[in-house]
N, C-alpha and C. Protein backbone atom coordinates (compact mmCIF):
# COMPACT_ATOMS: atom_id res chain seq x y z
N UNK A 1 109.97 69.68 106.40
CA UNK A 1 110.71 70.91 106.68
C UNK A 1 110.06 72.11 105.99
N UNK A 2 109.52 71.86 104.77
CA UNK A 2 108.91 72.96 104.03
C UNK A 2 107.70 73.52 104.79
N UNK A 3 106.91 72.63 105.39
CA UNK A 3 105.75 73.07 106.17
C UNK A 3 106.21 73.85 107.39
N UNK A 4 107.25 73.38 108.04
CA UNK A 4 107.78 74.07 109.21
C UNK A 4 108.27 75.47 108.85
N UNK A 5 108.98 75.60 107.74
CA UNK A 5 109.48 76.92 107.33
C UNK A 5 108.32 77.85 106.99
N UNK A 6 107.29 77.32 106.36
CA UNK A 6 106.11 78.14 106.04
C UNK A 6 105.44 78.63 107.32
N UNK A 7 105.29 77.75 108.28
CA UNK A 7 104.67 78.13 109.56
C UNK A 7 105.52 79.20 110.27
N UNK A 8 106.83 79.02 110.26
CA UNK A 8 107.70 79.99 110.94
C UNK A 8 107.68 81.35 110.25
N UNK A 9 107.70 81.36 108.92
CA UNK A 9 107.62 82.63 108.18
C UNK A 9 106.29 83.31 108.48
N UNK A 10 105.21 82.54 108.47
CA UNK A 10 103.89 83.10 108.78
C UNK A 10 103.86 83.66 110.20
N UNK A 11 104.45 82.94 111.15
CA UNK A 11 104.49 83.39 112.53
C UNK A 11 105.24 84.72 112.66
N UNK A 12 106.39 84.82 112.02
CA UNK A 12 107.17 86.08 112.07
C UNK A 12 106.36 87.20 111.41
N UNK A 13 105.69 86.91 110.31
CA UNK A 13 104.85 87.92 109.65
C UNK A 13 103.72 88.38 110.55
N UNK A 14 103.05 87.44 111.20
CA UNK A 14 101.95 87.78 112.11
C UNK A 14 102.46 88.57 113.30
N UNK A 15 103.62 88.19 113.83
CA UNK A 15 104.22 88.96 114.93
C UNK A 15 104.41 90.42 114.52
N UNK A 16 104.85 90.63 113.29
CA UNK A 16 105.10 92.00 112.84
C UNK A 16 103.82 92.77 112.57
N UNK A 17 102.75 92.08 112.23
CA UNK A 17 101.45 92.76 112.17
C UNK A 17 101.04 93.20 113.57
N UNK A 18 101.30 92.34 114.55
CA UNK A 18 101.00 92.70 115.94
C UNK A 18 101.86 93.88 116.39
N UNK A 19 103.14 93.90 116.02
CA UNK A 19 104.00 95.03 116.36
C UNK A 19 103.47 96.32 115.73
N UNK A 20 103.03 96.23 114.47
CA UNK A 20 102.43 97.38 113.81
C UNK A 20 101.25 97.89 114.63
N UNK A 21 100.38 96.98 115.01
CA UNK A 21 99.19 97.33 115.79
C UNK A 21 99.58 98.01 117.11
N UNK A 22 100.51 97.42 117.82
CA UNK A 22 100.94 98.01 119.10
C UNK A 22 101.54 99.40 118.91
N UNK A 23 102.41 99.53 117.93
CA UNK A 23 103.15 100.79 117.77
C UNK A 23 102.32 101.89 117.12
N UNK A 24 101.42 101.53 116.24
CA UNK A 24 100.64 102.56 115.54
C UNK A 24 99.35 102.91 116.27
N UNK A 25 98.73 101.95 116.94
CA UNK A 25 97.39 102.18 117.48
C UNK A 25 97.28 102.05 118.99
N UNK A 26 98.21 101.34 119.62
CA UNK A 26 98.09 101.09 121.07
C UNK A 26 99.20 101.74 121.89
N UNK A 27 100.04 102.50 121.26
CA UNK A 27 101.21 103.09 121.90
C UNK A 27 100.87 103.83 123.19
N UNK A 28 99.81 104.65 123.16
CA UNK A 28 99.45 105.47 124.32
C UNK A 28 98.37 104.83 125.19
N UNK A 29 97.96 103.63 124.83
CA UNK A 29 96.94 102.89 125.58
C UNK A 29 97.62 102.04 126.66
N UNK A 30 96.85 101.57 127.64
CA UNK A 30 97.46 100.77 128.73
C UNK A 30 98.31 99.60 128.24
N UNK A 31 97.86 98.88 127.23
CA UNK A 31 98.66 97.73 126.76
C UNK A 31 99.98 98.20 126.15
N UNK A 32 99.98 99.31 125.43
CA UNK A 32 101.21 99.85 124.87
C UNK A 32 102.15 100.35 125.96
N UNK A 33 101.59 101.05 126.94
CA UNK A 33 102.41 101.56 128.04
C UNK A 33 103.07 100.41 128.80
N UNK A 34 102.29 99.35 129.03
CA UNK A 34 102.83 98.20 129.76
C UNK A 34 103.86 97.45 128.92
N UNK A 35 103.53 97.21 127.65
CA UNK A 35 104.43 96.45 126.77
C UNK A 35 105.78 97.14 126.63
N UNK A 36 105.74 98.46 126.43
CA UNK A 36 106.97 99.19 126.17
C UNK A 36 107.53 99.89 127.41
N UNK A 37 106.89 99.63 128.56
CA UNK A 37 107.38 100.13 129.85
C UNK A 37 107.60 101.64 129.83
N UNK A 38 106.52 102.36 129.50
CA UNK A 38 106.61 103.82 129.37
C UNK A 38 105.55 104.51 130.21
N UNK A 39 105.84 105.75 130.51
CA UNK A 39 104.86 106.61 131.17
C UNK A 39 103.96 107.21 130.09
N UNK A 40 102.75 107.64 130.46
CA UNK A 40 101.88 108.30 129.48
C UNK A 40 102.53 109.53 128.85
N UNK A 41 103.32 110.25 129.61
CA UNK A 41 103.99 111.45 129.09
C UNK A 41 105.01 111.09 128.01
N UNK A 42 105.81 110.08 128.29
CA UNK A 42 106.81 109.66 127.31
C UNK A 42 106.14 109.09 126.06
N UNK A 43 105.07 108.33 126.26
CA UNK A 43 104.34 107.75 125.13
C UNK A 43 103.78 108.85 124.23
N UNK A 44 103.25 109.88 124.84
CA UNK A 44 102.68 110.98 124.06
C UNK A 44 103.77 111.67 123.23
N UNK A 45 104.93 111.86 123.82
CA UNK A 45 106.03 112.52 123.12
C UNK A 45 106.59 111.66 121.98
N UNK A 46 106.57 110.36 122.15
CA UNK A 46 107.21 109.48 121.18
C UNK A 46 106.24 108.81 120.20
N UNK A 47 104.96 109.12 120.32
CA UNK A 47 103.95 108.47 119.48
C UNK A 47 104.22 108.59 117.97
N UNK A 48 104.63 109.76 117.47
CA UNK A 48 104.90 109.82 116.02
C UNK A 48 106.05 108.90 115.60
N UNK A 49 107.08 108.78 116.44
CA UNK A 49 108.18 107.87 116.12
C UNK A 49 107.72 106.42 116.15
N UNK A 50 106.87 106.10 117.12
CA UNK A 50 106.36 104.74 117.23
C UNK A 50 105.50 104.38 116.02
N UNK A 51 104.69 105.33 115.57
CA UNK A 51 103.83 105.08 114.40
C UNK A 51 104.70 104.80 113.17
N UNK A 52 105.77 105.55 113.02
CA UNK A 52 106.69 105.34 111.90
C UNK A 52 107.33 103.95 112.01
N UNK A 53 107.74 103.60 113.19
CA UNK A 53 108.33 102.28 113.44
C UNK A 53 107.31 101.18 113.14
N UNK A 54 106.07 101.40 113.54
CA UNK A 54 105.01 100.44 113.27
C UNK A 54 104.80 100.23 111.78
N UNK A 55 104.87 101.33 111.03
CA UNK A 55 104.71 101.23 109.58
C UNK A 55 105.80 100.35 108.97
N UNK A 56 107.03 100.53 109.43
CA UNK A 56 108.13 99.70 108.94
C UNK A 56 107.90 98.23 109.29
N UNK A 57 107.38 97.97 110.48
CA UNK A 57 107.06 96.58 110.83
C UNK A 57 105.99 96.02 109.91
N UNK A 58 105.07 96.88 109.49
CA UNK A 58 104.06 96.46 108.53
C UNK A 58 104.65 96.07 107.19
N UNK A 59 105.66 96.83 106.75
CA UNK A 59 106.34 96.49 105.49
C UNK A 59 107.04 95.13 105.60
N UNK A 60 107.66 94.88 106.75
CA UNK A 60 108.31 93.58 106.95
C UNK A 60 107.28 92.46 106.91
N UNK A 61 106.15 92.67 107.59
CA UNK A 61 105.09 91.68 107.60
C UNK A 61 104.57 91.43 106.19
N UNK A 62 104.36 92.51 105.43
CA UNK A 62 103.85 92.37 104.07
C UNK A 62 104.80 91.55 103.20
N UNK A 63 106.09 91.81 103.31
CA UNK A 63 107.07 91.05 102.52
C UNK A 63 107.09 89.58 102.90
N UNK A 64 107.04 89.31 104.20
CA UNK A 64 107.06 87.92 104.65
C UNK A 64 105.81 87.18 104.21
N UNK A 65 104.66 87.80 104.42
CA UNK A 65 103.41 87.13 104.05
C UNK A 65 103.28 86.99 102.53
N UNK A 66 103.75 87.99 101.80
CA UNK A 66 103.73 87.89 100.34
C UNK A 66 104.57 86.70 99.86
N UNK A 67 105.69 86.47 100.54
CA UNK A 67 106.58 85.37 100.14
C UNK A 67 105.89 84.01 100.21
N UNK A 68 104.84 83.91 101.00
CA UNK A 68 104.12 82.64 101.13
C UNK A 68 103.20 82.37 99.94
N UNK A 69 102.94 83.42 99.14
CA UNK A 69 102.02 83.28 98.01
C UNK A 69 102.71 83.37 96.65
N UNK A 70 104.01 83.62 96.65
CA UNK A 70 104.76 83.67 95.40
C UNK A 70 104.87 82.25 94.84
N UNK A 71 104.53 82.09 93.58
CA UNK A 71 104.50 80.73 93.01
C UNK A 71 105.86 80.23 92.54
N UNK A 72 106.75 81.14 92.19
CA UNK A 72 108.09 80.72 91.76
C UNK A 72 108.91 80.40 93.02
N UNK A 73 109.36 79.16 93.19
CA UNK A 73 110.07 78.76 94.41
C UNK A 73 111.35 79.58 94.68
N UNK A 74 112.10 79.90 93.62
CA UNK A 74 113.34 80.67 93.81
C UNK A 74 113.03 82.09 94.28
N UNK A 75 112.01 82.68 93.70
CA UNK A 75 111.61 84.03 94.10
C UNK A 75 111.08 84.03 95.53
N UNK A 76 110.25 83.05 95.86
CA UNK A 76 109.71 82.93 97.22
C UNK A 76 110.85 82.78 98.23
N UNK A 77 111.82 81.94 97.89
CA UNK A 77 112.98 81.72 98.77
C UNK A 77 113.74 83.02 98.98
N UNK A 78 113.96 83.76 97.90
CA UNK A 78 114.69 85.04 98.00
C UNK A 78 113.94 86.03 98.89
N UNK A 79 112.63 86.12 98.71
CA UNK A 79 111.83 87.02 99.54
C UNK A 79 111.94 86.62 101.02
N UNK A 80 111.79 85.35 101.30
CA UNK A 80 111.85 84.87 102.68
C UNK A 80 113.20 85.19 103.31
N UNK A 81 114.26 84.87 102.62
CA UNK A 81 115.61 85.11 103.16
C UNK A 81 115.84 86.61 103.37
N UNK A 82 115.45 87.42 102.40
CA UNK A 82 115.67 88.86 102.52
C UNK A 82 114.90 89.44 103.70
N UNK A 83 113.59 89.19 103.77
CA UNK A 83 112.79 89.80 104.83
C UNK A 83 113.11 89.23 106.20
N UNK A 84 113.38 87.94 106.30
CA UNK A 84 113.79 87.38 107.59
C UNK A 84 115.13 87.95 108.04
N UNK A 85 116.04 88.17 107.10
CA UNK A 85 117.33 88.78 107.44
C UNK A 85 117.13 90.21 107.95
N UNK A 86 116.24 90.95 107.30
CA UNK A 86 115.94 92.32 107.76
C UNK A 86 115.39 92.29 109.19
N UNK A 87 114.47 91.38 109.45
CA UNK A 87 113.88 91.26 110.79
C UNK A 87 114.96 90.91 111.82
N UNK A 88 115.80 89.93 111.48
CA UNK A 88 116.85 89.50 112.41
C UNK A 88 117.82 90.64 112.72
N UNK A 89 118.23 91.36 111.69
CA UNK A 89 119.17 92.48 111.88
C UNK A 89 118.52 93.60 112.68
N UNK A 90 117.27 93.92 112.37
CA UNK A 90 116.57 94.96 113.14
C UNK A 90 116.44 94.56 114.61
N UNK A 91 116.17 93.30 114.85
CA UNK A 91 116.05 92.82 116.23
C UNK A 91 117.37 92.87 116.98
N UNK A 92 118.45 92.53 116.31
CA UNK A 92 119.78 92.62 116.95
C UNK A 92 120.10 94.08 117.27
N UNK A 93 119.80 94.96 116.34
CA UNK A 93 120.03 96.39 116.57
C UNK A 93 119.17 96.89 117.74
N UNK A 94 117.91 96.50 117.75
CA UNK A 94 117.02 96.89 118.85
C UNK A 94 117.49 96.34 120.19
N UNK A 95 118.00 95.11 120.18
CA UNK A 95 118.51 94.52 121.42
C UNK A 95 119.72 95.28 121.94
N UNK A 96 120.54 95.76 121.02
CA UNK A 96 121.74 96.50 121.42
C UNK A 96 121.47 97.94 121.82
N UNK A 97 120.38 98.51 121.31
CA UNK A 97 120.13 99.94 121.56
C UNK A 97 118.95 100.21 122.48
N UNK A 98 118.01 99.26 122.60
CA UNK A 98 116.80 99.53 123.38
C UNK A 98 116.64 98.54 124.53
N UNK A 99 116.51 97.26 124.20
CA UNK A 99 116.25 96.25 125.22
C UNK A 99 116.68 94.87 124.71
N UNK A 100 117.30 94.11 125.56
CA UNK A 100 117.74 92.75 125.20
C UNK A 100 116.54 91.86 124.86
N UNK A 101 115.36 92.18 125.42
CA UNK A 101 114.15 91.39 125.14
C UNK A 101 113.85 91.33 123.64
N UNK A 102 114.20 92.40 122.92
CA UNK A 102 113.90 92.47 121.50
C UNK A 102 114.56 91.32 120.73
N UNK A 103 115.75 90.93 121.17
CA UNK A 103 116.42 89.82 120.48
C UNK A 103 115.55 88.56 120.54
N UNK A 104 115.03 88.27 121.71
CA UNK A 104 114.26 87.03 121.89
C UNK A 104 112.88 87.10 121.23
N UNK A 105 112.29 88.28 121.22
CA UNK A 105 110.95 88.44 120.66
C UNK A 105 110.98 88.58 119.14
N UNK A 106 111.98 89.27 118.62
CA UNK A 106 112.02 89.57 117.19
C UNK A 106 113.07 88.76 116.43
N UNK A 107 114.31 88.82 116.88
CA UNK A 107 115.38 88.18 116.12
C UNK A 107 115.35 86.66 116.17
N UNK A 108 115.15 86.11 117.33
CA UNK A 108 115.23 84.65 117.48
C UNK A 108 114.24 83.91 116.57
N UNK A 109 112.96 84.30 116.52
CA UNK A 109 112.06 83.60 115.59
C UNK A 109 112.51 83.73 114.13
N UNK A 110 113.00 84.91 113.75
CA UNK A 110 113.47 85.10 112.37
C UNK A 110 114.70 84.26 112.09
N UNK A 111 115.62 84.19 113.02
CA UNK A 111 116.83 83.38 112.84
C UNK A 111 116.47 81.91 112.74
N UNK A 112 115.55 81.46 113.57
CA UNK A 112 115.09 80.07 113.51
C UNK A 112 114.50 79.76 112.14
N UNK A 113 113.64 80.65 111.65
CA UNK A 113 113.04 80.45 110.33
C UNK A 113 114.11 80.44 109.24
N UNK A 114 115.07 81.34 109.35
CA UNK A 114 116.17 81.38 108.37
C UNK A 114 116.95 80.08 108.34
N UNK A 115 117.27 79.57 109.51
CA UNK A 115 118.03 78.32 109.59
C UNK A 115 117.25 77.18 108.93
N UNK A 116 115.96 77.09 109.23
CA UNK A 116 115.13 76.03 108.64
C UNK A 116 115.08 76.19 107.12
N UNK A 117 114.91 77.42 106.64
CA UNK A 117 114.83 77.67 105.19
C UNK A 117 116.15 77.31 104.51
N UNK A 118 117.27 77.65 105.12
CA UNK A 118 118.57 77.35 104.52
C UNK A 118 118.81 75.84 104.51
N UNK A 119 118.34 75.15 105.52
CA UNK A 119 118.53 73.69 105.59
C UNK A 119 117.64 72.93 104.60
N UNK A 120 116.54 73.54 104.17
CA UNK A 120 115.61 72.85 103.23
C UNK A 120 116.15 72.82 101.83
C-alpha cells in the first residue's frame, strides 16, 4: 500500500506540473485552446489569470513532490494529506464553477490517493 500511495502522490504532483505548463506556457497555443475549449480572443484576455492559476498548481505540485522526500514519516504524511486535500477541494470547486471534467481530472486522483494514504 505504501508503494501505491507514493505512486499516486507522484502522479497527482506530475499532473499539477502539467497543469502549470498548460496554464502558464500553452494557454494561447493550439493545445491550450483545445484543452480549455477557448477561442484565441478569450485566451488572450484571460492569459494573466491562467498564468496565476498555473503558478498555484506549481505550488501544489511542489508540496506533493516534496512530501515524497521528507524523511520523517509523520511529517511526510501531514504534507501528503494537506496538499492532496487542497487539490481535491480545488477540483471540486472547479467542477462546480467551471466544468464537471475538472472533478475527474483533478479531484478524483487526489481523493484516491487520500483514501489509500488514510488506509495505510
